[in-house]
Amino acid sequence: MDYLGNKCLVCDKYFHADDDIVVCPECGTPHHRECYSSLGHCVNEDKHAQGYDFLSDNSEQKQATDDCSLITCKKCGAKNASGAFFCTKCGSSLHDINDNSTRGYASQQNNTNQQTSPFTSNPNVIMFDPLGGVNPNADLGDNVSVAQAAKYVKQNTPYFMTLFSNIKNHSKSRFNFCAAIFGGGYLLYRKMYKIGTFITIIEAMIMVFTTYLAQYIGNNSAFTKMFEAYANYDLDATMMHFSNLSTYDSLIMFLYVFLSVGSLILTIVIGACANRMYFKHCKKKIIKIKSTVENPADVDSALSKSGGVNVGLAISLWVSYIILSYLPRFFY
């Protein structure tokens, strides 16, 4: 029997033509082999005593599904339910914005005498792909799939799934401007706590010291005269005032320049490396979660619960940065 259009009642996912399906010998209920093995018995076992028959119970529904509800993916040929926007096998969009492929939605709405939704009935709508066009079953290495990575990342998955695929297949990444701007705060926001804490401490120390040094320089008459001469393009006077600086003042100026340049270099390095660090972080966490979850059906839930972002920590860190930036000014 063709079970396309039916769902496995254990994992609630649709069957595909190439799925390994096992059928209960008593009632005929289909299962994914892996789902049946993990459950250990038929999902409808409690109905066997009542003479339950899956084929009879689902024959009318199955016929209706075969006739009008299934959507065939133009890329891989897999059949999908009418409510799907993207193929559950390859991730491709099931609705071409240039044709009438949304007629399944309009037909379904008309049959129930409901007003059609602009999102589902407008043939000119631009479809949103949560995986950025990447195959959800594609391997990112170490037996981690794109679908699993998306479950863990949660926020901004189109960007990261495309990025992860490029890193895995072509060793190419992108400069992360958000990471460059927010530094350790961005890493902590993405739950990279160890490296994020380390970078944040370094950035905080640089910020406190440079603010302190800037306050000292701004309130020192020797520096004020030197900067006034420099502003007037008087190079000779500038060099004269610079040579008259005390050893302590010269050291202060050197440290300020050194820390300022170091902060800039750190910003560039974080922006260039953040995406690769996050890719490795996600894979490491996903592998750990998969190894600790006993039931394979609970993996997606565990990934979603452990992943995502930490908004509260990001806001707290932002407030702390503001406090730290103004703290040295109270000493002058």
C-alpha atoms as a PDB file:
ATOM      1  CA  MET A   1       0.000   0.000   0.000  1.00  0.00           C
ATOM      2  CA  ASP A   2       1.181   3.578  -0.714  1.00  0.00           C
ATOM      3  CA  TYR A   3       1.357   5.441   2.572  1.00  0.00           C
ATOM      4  CA  LEU A   4       2.311   8.822   1.070  1.00  0.00           C
ATOM      5  CA  GLY A   5       0.163  11.513   2.603  1.00  0.00           C
ATOM      6  CA  ASN A   6      -0.111   9.676   5.912  1.00  0.00           C
ATOM      7  CA  LYS A   7       1.852  10.526   9.010  1.00  0.00           C
ATOM      8  CA  CYS A   8       3.815   8.289  11.314  1.00  0.00           C
ATOM      9  CA  LEU A   9       1.794   8.526  14.514  1.00  0.00           C
ATOM     10  CA  VAL A  10       4.948   8.253  16.632  1.00  0.00           C
ATOM     11  CA  CYS A  11       7.006  11.179  15.251  1.00  0.00           C
ATOM     12  CA  ASP A  12       4.094  12.966  13.480  1.00  0.00           C
ATOM     13  CA  LYS A  13       6.093  13.280  10.239  1.00  0.00           C
ATOM     14  CA  TYR A  14       4.815  12.447   6.730  1.00  0.00           C
ATOM     15  CA  PHE A  15       5.997   9.317   4.976  1.00  0.00           C
ATOM     16  CA  HIS A  16       8.164   9.658   1.851  1.00  0.00           C
ATOM     17  CA  ALA A  17       8.679   7.213  -0.976  1.00  0.00           C
ATOM     18  CA  ASP A  18      12.158   6.243   0.210  1.00  0.00           C
ATOM     19  CA  ASP A  19      11.303   5.912   3.926  1.00  0.00           C
ATOM     20  CA  ASP A  20      11.863   2.590   5.693  1.00  0.00           C
ATOM     21  CA  ILE A  21       8.297   1.754   6.774  1.00  0.00           C
ATOM     22  CA  VAL A  22       7.117  -1.157   8.922  1.00  0.00           C
ATOM     23  CA  VAL A  23       3.456  -2.112   9.297  1.00  0.00           C
ATOM     24  CA  CYS A  24       1.763  -3.597  12.347  1.00  0.00           C
ATOM     25  CA  PRO A  25       0.737  -7.194  11.452  1.00  0.00           C
ATOM     26  CA  GLU A  26      -2.460  -6.901  13.511  1.00  0.00           C
ATOM     27  CA  CYS A  27      -3.983  -3.557  12.523  1.00  0.00           C
ATOM     28  CA  GLY A  28      -1.885  -2.407   9.551  1.00  0.00           C
ATOM     29  CA  THR A  29      -0.725   0.887  11.135  1.00  0.00           C
ATOM     30  CA  PRO A  30       2.458   2.133   9.383  1.00  0.00           C
ATOM     31  CA  HIS A  31       5.491   3.373  11.335  1.00  0.00           C
ATOM     32  CA  HIS A  32       8.984   4.520  10.520  1.00  0.00           C
ATOM     33  CA  ARG A  33      11.168   1.543  11.395  1.00  0.00           C
ATOM     34  CA  GLU A  34      13.212   3.672  13.787  1.00  0.00           C
ATOM     35  CA  CYS A  35      10.048   4.973  15.475  1.00  0.00           C
ATOM     36  CA  TYR A  36       8.635   1.460  15.856  1.00  0.00           C
ATOM     37  CA  SER A  37      11.913   0.215  17.321  1.00  0.00           C
ATOM     38  CA  SER A  38      12.141   3.070  19.812  1.00  0.00           C
ATOM     39  CA  LEU A  39       8.497   2.612  20.887  1.00  0.00           C
ATOM     40  CA  GLY A  40       8.757  -1.175  21.041  1.00  0.00           C
ATOM     41  CA  HIS A  41       5.199  -1.844  19.893  1.00  0.00           C
ATOM     42  CA  CYS A  42       2.424  -0.577  17.622  1.00  0.00           C
ATOM     43  CA  VAL A  43       1.261   2.915  18.447  1.00  0.00           C
ATOM     44  CA  ASN A  44      -2.357   1.672  18.249  1.00  0.00           C
ATOM     45  CA  GLU A  45      -1.734  -1.374  20.436  1.00  0.00           C
ATOM     46  CA  ASP A  46      -4.447  -0.324  22.878  1.00  0.00           C
ATOM     47  CA  LYS A  47      -7.027  -0.544  20.051  1.00  0.00           C
ATOM     48  CA  HIS A  48      -6.173  -4.078  18.958  1.00  0.00           C
ATOM     49  CA  ALA A  49      -8.661  -5.655  21.372  1.00  0.00           C
ATOM     50  CA  GLN A  50     -11.433  -3.609  19.735  1.00  0.00           C
ATOM     51  CA  GLY A  51     -10.593  -4.951  16.261  1.00  0.00           C
ATOM     52  CA  TYR A  52      -9.074  -1.680  15.031  1.00  0.00           C
ATOM     53  CA  ASP A  53      -8.084  -1.680  11.329  1.00  0.00           C
ATOM     54  CA  PHE A  54      -5.904   1.181  10.077  1.00  0.00           C
ATOM     55  CA  LEU A  55      -6.731   0.554   6.404  1.00  0.00           C
ATOM     56  CA  SER A  56     -10.472   0.741   6.921  1.00  0.00           C
ATOM     57  CA  ASP A  57     -10.296   3.667   9.297  1.00  0.00           C
ATOM     58  CA  ASN A  58      -8.133   5.765   6.953  1.00  0.00           C
ATOM     59  CA  SER A  59      -9.300   4.676   3.494  1.00  0.00           C
ATOM     60  CA  GLU A  60     -11.603   7.643   2.838  1.00  0.00           C
ATOM     61  CA  GLN A  61      -9.158  10.126   4.289  1.00  0.00           C
ATOM     62  CA  LYS A  62      -6.272   8.610   2.313  1.00  0.00           C
ATOM     63  CA  GLN A  63      -8.264   8.792  -0.941  1.00  0.00           C
ATOM     64  CA  ALA A  64      -9.035  12.467  -0.391  1.00  0.00           C
ATOM     65  CA  THR A  65      -5.384  13.120   0.351  1.00  0.00           C
ATOM     66  CA  ASP A  66      -4.243  11.342  -2.804  1.00  0.00           C
ATOM     67  CA  ASP A  67      -6.756  13.237  -4.932  1.00  0.00           C
ATOM     68  CA  CYS A  68      -6.209  16.839  -3.898  1.00  0.00           C
ATOM     69  CA  SER A  69      -4.071  17.418  -0.817  1.00  0.00           C
ATOM     70  CA  LEU A  70      -0.622  16.228  -1.798  1.00  0.00           C
ATOM     71  CA  ILE A  71       1.860  18.637  -3.342  1.00  0.00           C
ATOM     72  CA  THR A  72       4.702  17.161  -5.354  1.00  0.00           C
ATOM     73  CA  CYS A  73       8.074  18.814  -4.912  1.00  0.00           C
ATOM     74  CA  LYS A  74       9.392  19.929  -8.312  1.00  0.00           C
ATOM     75  CA  LYS A  75      12.979  19.427  -7.202  1.00  0.00           C
ATOM     76  CA  CYS A  76      13.057  15.950  -5.623  1.00  0.00           C
ATOM     77  CA  GLY A  77       9.597  14.543  -6.446  1.00  0.00           C
ATOM     78  CA  ALA A  78       8.608  13.908  -2.835  1.00  0.00           C
ATOM     79  CA  LYS A  79       4.939  14.314  -1.944  1.00  0.00           C
ATOM     80  CA  ASN A  80       4.001  16.744   0.794  1.00  0.00           C
ATOM     81  CA  ALA A  81       0.802  17.714   2.583  1.00  0.00           C
ATOM     82  CA  SER A  82      -1.128  20.707   1.284  1.00  0.00           C
ATOM     83  CA  GLY A  83      -0.292  22.755   4.377  1.00  0.00           C
ATOM     84  CA  ALA A  84       3.439  22.628   3.750  1.00  0.00           C
ATOM     85  CA  PHE A  85       5.362  25.635   2.417  1.00  0.00           C
ATOM     86  CA  PHE A  86       8.621  23.741   1.908  1.00  0.00           C
ATOM     87  CA  CYS A  87       9.453  20.167   1.008  1.00  0.00           C
ATOM     88  CA  THR A  88      10.002  18.070   4.128  1.00  0.00           C
ATOM     89  CA  LYS A  89      12.655  16.062   2.270  1.00  0.00           C
ATOM     90  CA  CYS A  90      14.872  18.592   0.448  1.00  0.00           C
ATOM     91  CA  GLY A  91      13.703  21.926   1.900  1.00  0.00           C
ATOM     92  CA  SER A  92      12.788  23.484  -1.479  1.00  0.00           C
ATOM     93  CA  SER A  93       9.850  25.877  -1.760  1.00  0.00           C
ATOM     94  CA  LEU A  94       6.668  24.094  -2.863  1.00  0.00           C
ATOM     95  CA  HIS A  95       5.106  27.254  -4.288  1.00  0.00           C
ATOM     96  CA  ASP A  96       6.544  29.129  -7.245  1.00  0.00           C
ATOM     97  CA  ILE A  97       5.646  32.816  -7.006  1.00  0.00           C
ATOM     98  CA  ASN A  98       5.322  32.950 -10.815  1.00  0.00           C
ATOM     99  CA  ASP A  99       2.695  30.208 -11.234  1.00  0.00           C
ATOM    100  CA  ASN A 100      -0.613  29.180  -9.725  1.00  0.00           C
ATOM    101  CA  SER A 101       0.823  26.639  -7.303  1.00  0.00           C
ATOM    102  CA  THR A 102      -0.991  28.342  -4.438  1.00  0.00           C
ATOM    103  CA  ARG A 103      -4.281  27.090  -5.837  1.00  0.00           C
ATOM    104  CA  GLY A 104      -4.235  24.252  -3.293  1.00  0.00           C
ATOM    105  CA  TYR A 105      -4.566  26.767  -0.503  1.00  0.00           C
ATOM    106  CA  ALA A 106      -7.269  28.775  -2.224  1.00  0.00           C
ATOM    107  CA  SER A 107      -9.197  25.604  -3.050  1.00  0.00           C
ATOM    108  CA  GLN A 108      -8.995  24.428   0.524  1.00  0.00           C
ATOM    109  CA  GLN A 109     -10.248  27.767   1.805  1.00  0.00           C
ATOM    110  CA  ASN A 110     -13.108  27.876  -0.710  1.00  0.00           C
ATOM    111  CA  ASN A 111     -14.263  24.399   0.260  1.00  0.00           C
ATOM    112  CA  THR A 112     -14.658  25.503   3.874  1.00  0.00           C
ATOM    113  CA  ASN A 113     -16.299  28.834   2.880  1.00  0.00           C
ATOM    114  CA  GLN A 114     -13.641  30.816   4.703  1.00  0.00           C
ATOM    115  CA  GLN A 115     -11.985  34.013   3.593  1.00  0.00           C
ATOM    116  CA  THR A 116      -8.595  33.265   2.088  1.00  0.00           C
ATOM    117  CA  SER A 117      -5.512  34.574   3.844  1.00  0.00           C
ATOM    118  CA  PRO A 118      -3.430  37.105   1.873  1.00  0.00           C
ATOM    119  CA  PHE A 119      -0.313  35.220   2.889  1.00  0.00           C
ATOM    120  CA  THR A 120      -1.442  31.907   1.400  1.00  0.00           C
ATOM    121  CA  SER A 121      -3.501  33.081  -1.581  1.00  0.00           C
ATOM    122  CA  ASN A 122      -1.416  35.879  -3.073  1.00  0.00           C
ATOM    123  CA  PRO A 123       0.560  34.403  -6.001  1.00  0.00           C
ATOM    124  CA  ASN A 124       3.065  37.266  -5.844  1.00  0.00           C
ATOM    125  CA  VAL A 125       4.075  36.648  -2.239  1.00  0.00           C
ATOM    126  CA  ILE A 126       7.784  36.099  -1.599  1.00  0.00           C
ATOM    127  CA  MET A 127       8.174  32.851   0.312  1.00  0.00           C
ATOM    128  CA  PHE A 128      10.409  32.757   3.376  1.00  0.00           C
ATOM    129  CA  ASP A 129      12.727  29.770   3.604  1.00  0.00           C
ATOM    130  CA  PRO A 130      13.743  29.132   7.242  1.00  0.00           C
ATOM    131  CA  LEU A 131      16.806  27.170   6.068  1.00  0.00           C
ATOM    132  CA  GLY A 132      17.987  29.618   3.414  1.00  0.00           C
ATOM    133  CA  GLY A 133      17.497  27.052   0.632  1.00  0.00           C
ATOM    134  CA  VAL A 134      19.836  24.509   2.236  1.00  0.00           C
ATOM    135  CA  ASN A 135      18.784  20.853   2.280  1.00  0.00           C
ATOM    136  CA  PRO A 136      17.632  20.071   5.858  1.00  0.00           C
ATOM    137  CA  ASN A 137      19.234  16.620   5.607  1.00  0.00           C
ATOM    138  CA  ALA A 138      22.622  17.965   4.481  1.00  0.00           C
ATOM    139  CA  ASP A 139      25.483  16.890   6.729  1.00  0.00           C
ATOM    140  CA  LEU A 140      27.491  19.623   8.464  1.00  0.00           C
ATOM    141  CA  GLY A 141      30.045  17.128   9.705  1.00  0.00           C
ATOM    142  CA  ASP A 142      30.175  14.787  12.718  1.00  0.00           C
ATOM    143  CA  ASN A 143      26.700  13.486  11.811  1.00  0.00           C
ATOM    144  CA  VAL A 144      25.063  16.868  12.483  1.00  0.00           C
ATOM    145  CA  SER A 145      22.352  17.786   9.974  1.00  0.00           C
ATOM    146  CA  VAL A 146      21.211  21.240   8.857  1.00  0.00           C
ATOM    147  CA  ALA A 147      17.779  20.597  10.374  1.00  0.00           C
ATOM    148  CA  GLN A 148      19.346  19.851  13.754  1.00  0.00           C
ATOM    149  CA  ALA A 149      21.541  22.950  13.556  1.00  0.00           C
ATOM    150  CA  ALA A 150      18.480  25.081  12.740  1.00  0.00           C
ATOM    151  CA  LYS A 151      16.688  23.698  15.787  1.00  0.00           C
ATOM    152  CA  TYR A 152      19.616  24.739  17.964  1.00  0.00           C
ATOM    153  CA  VAL A 153      20.281  28.155  16.366  1.00  0.00           C
ATOM    154  CA  LYS A 154      16.576  29.164  16.302  1.00  0.00           C
ATOM    155  CA  GLN A 155      17.078  32.890  15.597  1.00  0.00           C
ATOM    156  CA  ASN A 156      18.177  34.006  12.094  1.00  0.00           C
ATOM    157  CA  THR A 157      18.398  30.459  10.728  1.00  0.00           C
ATOM    158  CA  PRO A 158      18.452  31.390   6.990  1.00  0.00           C
ATOM    159  CA  TYR A 159      21.684  33.347   7.502  1.00  0.00           C
ATOM    160  CA  PHE A 160      23.386  30.747   9.665  1.00  0.00           C
ATOM    161  CA  MET A 161      22.315  27.659   7.717  1.00  0.00           C
ATOM    162  CA  THR A 162      23.696  29.140   4.493  1.00  0.00           C
ATOM    163  CA  LEU A 163      26.812  30.204   6.363  1.00  0.00           C
ATOM    164  CA  PHE A 164      27.342  26.806   8.011  1.00  0.00           C
ATOM    165  CA  SER A 165      26.936  25.072   4.654  1.00  0.00           C
ATOM    166  CA  ASN A 166      29.563  27.321   3.069  1.00  0.00           C
ATOM    167  CA  ILE A 167      31.979  26.761   5.945  1.00  0.00           C
ATOM    168  CA  LYS A 168      31.519  22.992   5.724  1.00  0.00           C
ATOM    169  CA  ASN A 169      31.619  22.648   1.925  1.00  0.00           C
ATOM    170  CA  HIS A 170      33.854  25.527   0.831  1.00  0.00           C
ATOM    171  CA  SER A 171      35.686  26.632   4.005  1.00  0.00           C
ATOM    172  CA  LYS A 172      34.318  30.139   3.411  1.00  0.00           C
ATOM    173  CA  SER A 173      32.893  32.366   6.114  1.00  0.00           C
ATOM    174  CA  ARG A 174      31.730  35.974   6.373  1.00  0.00           C
ATOM    175  CA  PHE A 175      32.691  38.946   8.492  1.00  0.00           C
ATOM    176  CA  ASN A 176      30.184  39.219  11.331  1.00  0.00           C
ATOM    177  CA  PHE A 177      29.598  42.944  11.863  1.00  0.00           C
ATOM    178  CA  CYS A 178      27.323  42.379  14.868  1.00  0.00           C
ATOM    179  CA  ALA A 179      30.064  40.386  16.594  1.00  0.00           C
ATOM    180  CA  ALA A 180      32.599  43.083  15.710  1.00  0.00           C
ATOM    181  CA  ILE A 181      30.417  45.841  17.168  1.00  0.00           C
ATOM    182  CA  PHE A 182      29.214  44.072  20.311  1.00  0.00           C
ATOM    183  CA  GLY A 183      32.226  41.790  20.841  1.00  0.00           C
ATOM    184  CA  GLY A 184      31.945  39.513  23.843  1.00  0.00           C
ATOM    185  CA  GLY A 185      28.350  40.597  24.355  1.00  0.00           C
ATOM    186  CA  TYR A 186      27.407  39.033  21.021  1.00  0.00           C
ATOM    187  CA  LEU A 187      29.185  35.786  21.919  1.00  0.00           C
ATOM    188  CA  LEU A 188      27.331  35.626  25.230  1.00  0.00           C
ATOM    189  CA  TYR A 189      24.081  36.449  23.433  1.00  0.00           C
ATOM    190  CA  ARG A 190      24.688  33.380  21.268  1.00  0.00           C
ATOM    191  CA  LYS A 191      25.382  31.319  24.432  1.00  0.00           C
ATOM    192  CA  MET A 192      29.105  30.893  23.812  1.00  0.00           C
ATOM    193  CA  TYR A 193      29.688  31.499  27.495  1.00  0.00           C
ATOM    194  CA  LYS A 194      33.344  30.510  27.941  1.00  0.00           C
ATOM    195  CA  ILE A 195      34.904  32.463  25.077  1.00  0.00           C
ATOM    196  CA  GLY A 196      32.279  35.183  25.492  1.00  0.00           C
ATOM    197  CA  THR A 197      33.167  35.723  29.152  1.00  0.00           C
ATOM    198  CA  PHE A 198      36.889  35.779  28.359  1.00  0.00           C
ATOM    199  CA  ILE A 199      36.486  38.355  25.579  1.00  0.00           C
ATOM    200  CA  THR A 200      34.079  40.434  27.661  1.00  0.00           C
ATOM    201  CA  ILE A 201      36.548  40.668  30.543  1.00  0.00           C
ATOM    202  CA  ILE A 202      39.330  41.765  28.178  1.00  0.00           C
ATOM    203  CA  GLU A 203      37.072  44.362  26.526  1.00  0.00           C
ATOM    204  CA  ALA A 204      35.892  45.668  29.896  1.00  0.00           C
ATOM    205  CA  MET A 205      39.456  46.071  31.133  1.00  0.00           C
ATOM    206  CA  ILE A 206      40.483  47.883  27.942  1.00  0.00           C
ATOM    207  CA  MET A 207      37.444  50.149  28.170  1.00  0.00           C
ATOM    208  CA  VAL A 208      38.052  51.050  31.828  1.00  0.00           C
ATOM    209  CA  PHE A 209      41.751  51.748  31.332  1.00  0.00           C
ATOM    210  CA  THR A 210      41.316  53.770  28.120  1.00  0.00           C
ATOM    211  CA  THR A 211      38.537  55.826  29.723  1.00  0.00           C
ATOM    212  CA  TYR A 212      40.726  56.465  32.773  1.00  0.00           C
ATOM    213  CA  LEU A 213      43.700  57.406  30.602  1.00  0.00           C
ATOM    214  CA  ALA A 214      41.563  59.628  28.387  1.00  0.00           C
ATOM    215  CA  GLN A 215      40.294  61.490  31.469  1.00  0.00           C
ATOM    216  CA  TYR A 216      43.861  61.953  32.725  1.00  0.00           C
ATOM    217  CA  ILE A 217      45.094  63.185  29.339  1.00  0.00           C
ATOM    218  CA  GLY A 218      42.151  65.535  28.927  1.00  0.00           C
ATOM    219  CA  ASN A 219      42.757  67.177  32.289  1.00  0.00           C
ATOM    220  CA  ASN A 220      46.548  67.524  31.956  1.00  0.00           C
ATOM    221  CA  SER A 221      47.804  70.941  30.802  1.00  0.00           C
ATOM    222  CA  ALA A 222      50.898  69.458  29.129  1.00  0.00           C
ATOM    223  CA  PHE A 223      48.733  67.343  26.832  1.00  0.00           C
ATOM    224  CA  THR A 224      46.308  70.218  26.270  1.00  0.00           C
ATOM    225  CA  LYS A 225      49.099  72.465  24.924  1.00  0.00           C
ATOM    226  CA  MET A 226      50.422  69.696  22.702  1.00  0.00           C
ATOM    227  CA  PHE A 227      46.987  68.974  21.203  1.00  0.00           C
ATOM    228  CA  GLU A 228      46.317  72.683  20.652  1.00  0.00           C
ATOM    229  CA  ALA A 229      49.544  72.978  18.693  1.00  0.00           C
ATOM    230  CA  TYR A 230      48.662  69.878  16.697  1.00  0.00           C
ATOM    231  CA  ALA A 231      45.204  71.280  15.948  1.00  0.00           C
ATOM    232  CA  ASN A 232      46.827  74.435  14.594  1.00  0.00           C
ATOM    233  CA  TYR A 233      49.091  72.339  12.337  1.00  0.00           C
ATOM    234  CA  ASP A 234      52.163  73.627  14.206  1.00  0.00           C
ATOM    235  CA  LEU A 235      54.385  70.566  13.979  1.00  0.00           C
ATOM    236  CA  ASP A 236      57.402  72.181  15.616  1.00  0.00           C
ATOM    237  CA  ALA A 237      55.400  73.273  18.664  1.00  0.00           C
ATOM    238  CA  THR A 238      53.743  69.875  18.845  1.00  0.00           C
ATOM    239  CA  MET A 239      57.082  68.069  18.910  1.00  0.00           C
ATOM    240  CA  MET A 240      58.432  70.544  21.466  1.00  0.00           C
ATOM    241  CA  HIS A 241      55.519  69.941  23.853  1.00  0.00           C
ATOM    242  CA  PHE A 242      55.815  66.202  23.266  1.00  0.00           C
ATOM    243  CA  SER A 243      59.512  66.218  24.142  1.00  0.00           C
ATOM    244  CA  ASN A 244      58.737  68.185  27.305  1.00  0.00           C
ATOM    245  CA  LEU A 245      56.366  65.496  28.597  1.00  0.00           C
ATOM    246  CA  SER A 246      57.494  63.763  31.760  1.00  0.00           C
ATOM    247  CA  THR A 247      58.347  60.071  31.714  1.00  0.00           C
ATOM    248  CA  TYR A 248      55.072  59.271  33.461  1.00  0.00           C
ATOM    249  CA  ASP A 249      53.018  61.315  30.956  1.00  0.00           C
ATOM    250  CA  SER A 250      54.833  59.681  28.036  1.00  0.00           C
ATOM    251  CA  LEU A 251      54.012  56.262  29.461  1.00  0.00           C
ATOM    252  CA  ILE A 252      50.354  57.277  29.849  1.00  0.00           C
ATOM    253  CA  MET A 253      50.177  58.371  26.227  1.00  0.00           C
ATOM    254  CA  PHE A 254      51.888  55.203  25.007  1.00  0.00           C
ATOM    255  CA  LEU A 255      49.484  53.001  26.967  1.00  0.00           C
ATOM    256  CA  TYR A 256      46.477  54.908  25.630  1.00  0.00           C
ATOM    257  CA  VAL A 257      47.599  54.493  22.021  1.00  0.00           C
ATOM    258  CA  PHE A 258      48.535  50.839  22.609  1.00  0.00           C
ATOM    259  CA  LEU A 259      45.160  49.975  24.164  1.00  0.00           C
ATOM    260  CA  SER A 260      43.244  51.869  21.471  1.00  0.00           C
ATOM    261  CA  VAL A 261      45.021  50.017  18.672  1.00  0.00           C
ATOM    262  CA  GLY A 262      44.641  46.721  20.564  1.00  0.00           C
ATOM    263  CA  SER A 263      40.894  47.304  20.913  1.00  0.00           C
ATOM    264  CA  LEU A 264      40.600  47.902  17.163  1.00  0.00           C
ATOM    265  CA  ILE A 265      42.553  44.730  16.355  1.00  0.00           C
ATOM    266  CA  LEU A 266      40.423  42.716  18.790  1.00  0.00           C
ATOM    267  CA  THR A 267      37.271  44.054  17.140  1.00  0.00           C
ATOM    268  CA  ILE A 268      38.450  42.958  13.678  1.00  0.00           C
ATOM    269  CA  VAL A 269      39.541  39.519  14.904  1.00  0.00           C
ATOM    270  CA  ILE A 270      36.203  38.862  16.632  1.00  0.00           C
ATOM    271  CA  GLY A 271      34.246  39.913  13.543  1.00  0.00           C
ATOM    272  CA  ALA A 272      36.354  37.673  11.307  1.00  0.00           C
ATOM    273  CA  CYS A 273      36.276  34.602  13.575  1.00  0.00           C
ATOM    274  CA  ALA A 274      32.836  34.772  15.252  1.00  0.00           C
ATOM    275  CA  ASN A 275      30.944  32.763  12.626  1.00  0.00           C
ATOM    276  CA  ARG A 276      33.465  29.919  12.582  1.00  0.00           C
ATOM    277  CA  MET A 277      33.496  29.859  16.383  1.00  0.00           C
ATOM    278  CA  TYR A 278      29.704  29.692  16.444  1.00  0.00           C
ATOM    279  CA  PHE A 279      29.699  26.888  13.851  1.00  0.00           C
ATOM    280  CA  LYS A 280      32.060  24.793  15.980  1.00  0.00           C
ATOM    281  CA  HIS A 281      30.114  25.685  19.124  1.00  0.00           C
ATOM    282  CA  CYS A 282      26.792  24.564  17.623  1.00  0.00           C
ATOM    283  CA  LYS A 283      28.200  21.259  16.388  1.00  0.00           C
ATOM    284  CA  LYS A 284      29.825  20.535  19.740  1.00  0.00           C
ATOM    285  CA  LYS A 285      26.613  21.246  21.650  1.00  0.00           C
ATOM    286  CA  ILE A 286      24.422  19.269  19.236  1.00  0.00           C
ATOM    287  CA  ILE A 287      26.707  16.217  19.456  1.00  0.00           C
ATOM    288  CA  LYS A 288      26.638  16.420  23.265  1.00  0.00           C
ATOM    289  CA  ILE A 289      22.844  16.741  23.372  1.00  0.00           C
ATOM    290  CA  LYS A 290      22.338  13.826  20.973  1.00  0.00           C
ATOM    291  CA  SER A 291      24.599  11.633  23.089  1.00  0.00           C
ATOM    292  CA  THR A 292      22.720  12.416  26.308  1.00  0.00           C
ATOM    293  CA  VAL A 293      19.122  12.150  25.044  1.00  0.00           C
ATOM    294  CA  GLU A 294      17.933   8.553  25.285  1.00  0.00           C
ATOM    295  CA  ASN A 295      14.851   8.802  23.042  1.00  0.00           C
ATOM    296  CA  PRO A 296      15.681   9.974  19.471  1.00  0.00           C
ATOM    297  CA  ALA A 297      12.220  11.525  19.246  1.00  0.00           C
ATOM    298  CA  ASP A 298      13.187  13.976  22.011  1.00  0.00           C
ATOM    299  CA  VAL A 299      16.327  15.277  20.272  1.00  0.00           C
ATOM    300  CA  ASP A 300      14.608  18.165  18.465  1.00  0.00           C
ATOM    301  CA  SER A 301      12.946  19.337  21.665  1.00  0.00           C
ATOM    302  CA  ALA A 302      16.236  19.176  23.570  1.00  0.00           C
ATOM    303  CA  LEU A 303      18.066  21.096  20.836  1.00  0.00           C
ATOM    304  CA  SER A 304      15.446  23.835  20.767  1.00  0.00           C
ATOM    305  CA  LYS A 305      15.440  24.122  24.557  1.00  0.00           C
ATOM    306  CA  SER A 306      19.239  24.315  24.895  1.00  0.00           C
ATOM    307  CA  GLY A 307      19.905  26.550  21.873  1.00  0.00           C
ATOM    308  CA  GLY A 308      18.684  29.956  20.820  1.00  0.00           C
ATOM    309  CA  VAL A 309      19.917  33.193  22.364  1.00  0.00           C
ATOM    310  CA  ASN A 310      20.179  34.746  25.822  1.00  0.00           C
ATOM    311  CA  VAL A 311      18.472  38.132  25.549  1.00  0.00           C
ATOM    312  CA  GLY A 312      18.464  38.843  29.283  1.00  0.00           C
ATOM    313  CA  LEU A 313      22.219  38.428  29.546  1.00  0.00           C
ATOM    314  CA  ALA A 314      22.776  40.679  26.524  1.00  0.00           C
ATOM    315  CA  ILE A 315      20.696  43.486  28.066  1.00  0.00           C
ATOM    316  CA  SER A 316      22.444  43.131  31.433  1.00  0.00           C
ATOM    317  CA  LEU A 317      25.815  43.292  29.723  1.00  0.00           C
ATOM    318  CA  TRP A 318      24.827  46.410  27.785  1.00  0.00           C
ATOM    319  CA  VAL A 319      23.843  48.168  31.029  1.00  0.00           C
ATOM    320  CA  SER A 320      27.115  47.068  32.642  1.00  0.00           C
ATOM    321  CA  TYR A 321      29.108  48.515  29.728  1.00  0.00           C
ATOM    322  CA  ILE A 322      27.422  51.881  30.189  1.00  0.00           C
ATOM    323  CA  ILE A 323      28.192  51.883  33.915  1.00  0.00           C
ATOM    324  CA  LEU A 324      31.819  50.890  33.356  1.00  0.00           C
ATOM    325  CA  SER A 325      32.329  53.549  30.690  1.00  0.00           C
ATOM    326  CA  TYR A 326      31.238  56.335  33.070  1.00  0.00           C
ATOM    327  CA  LEU A 327      32.792  54.953  36.254  1.00  0.00           C
ATOM    328  CA  PRO A 328      36.320  56.415  35.778  1.00  0.00           C
ATOM    329  CA  ARG A 329      34.860  59.884  35.297  1.00  0.00           C
ATOM    330  CA  PHE A 330      33.815  60.021  38.942  1.00  0.00           C
ATOM    331  CA  PHE A 331      37.483  60.136  39.939  1.00  0.00           C
ATOM    332  CA  TYR A 332      38.069  63.444  38.144  1.00  0.00           C
END
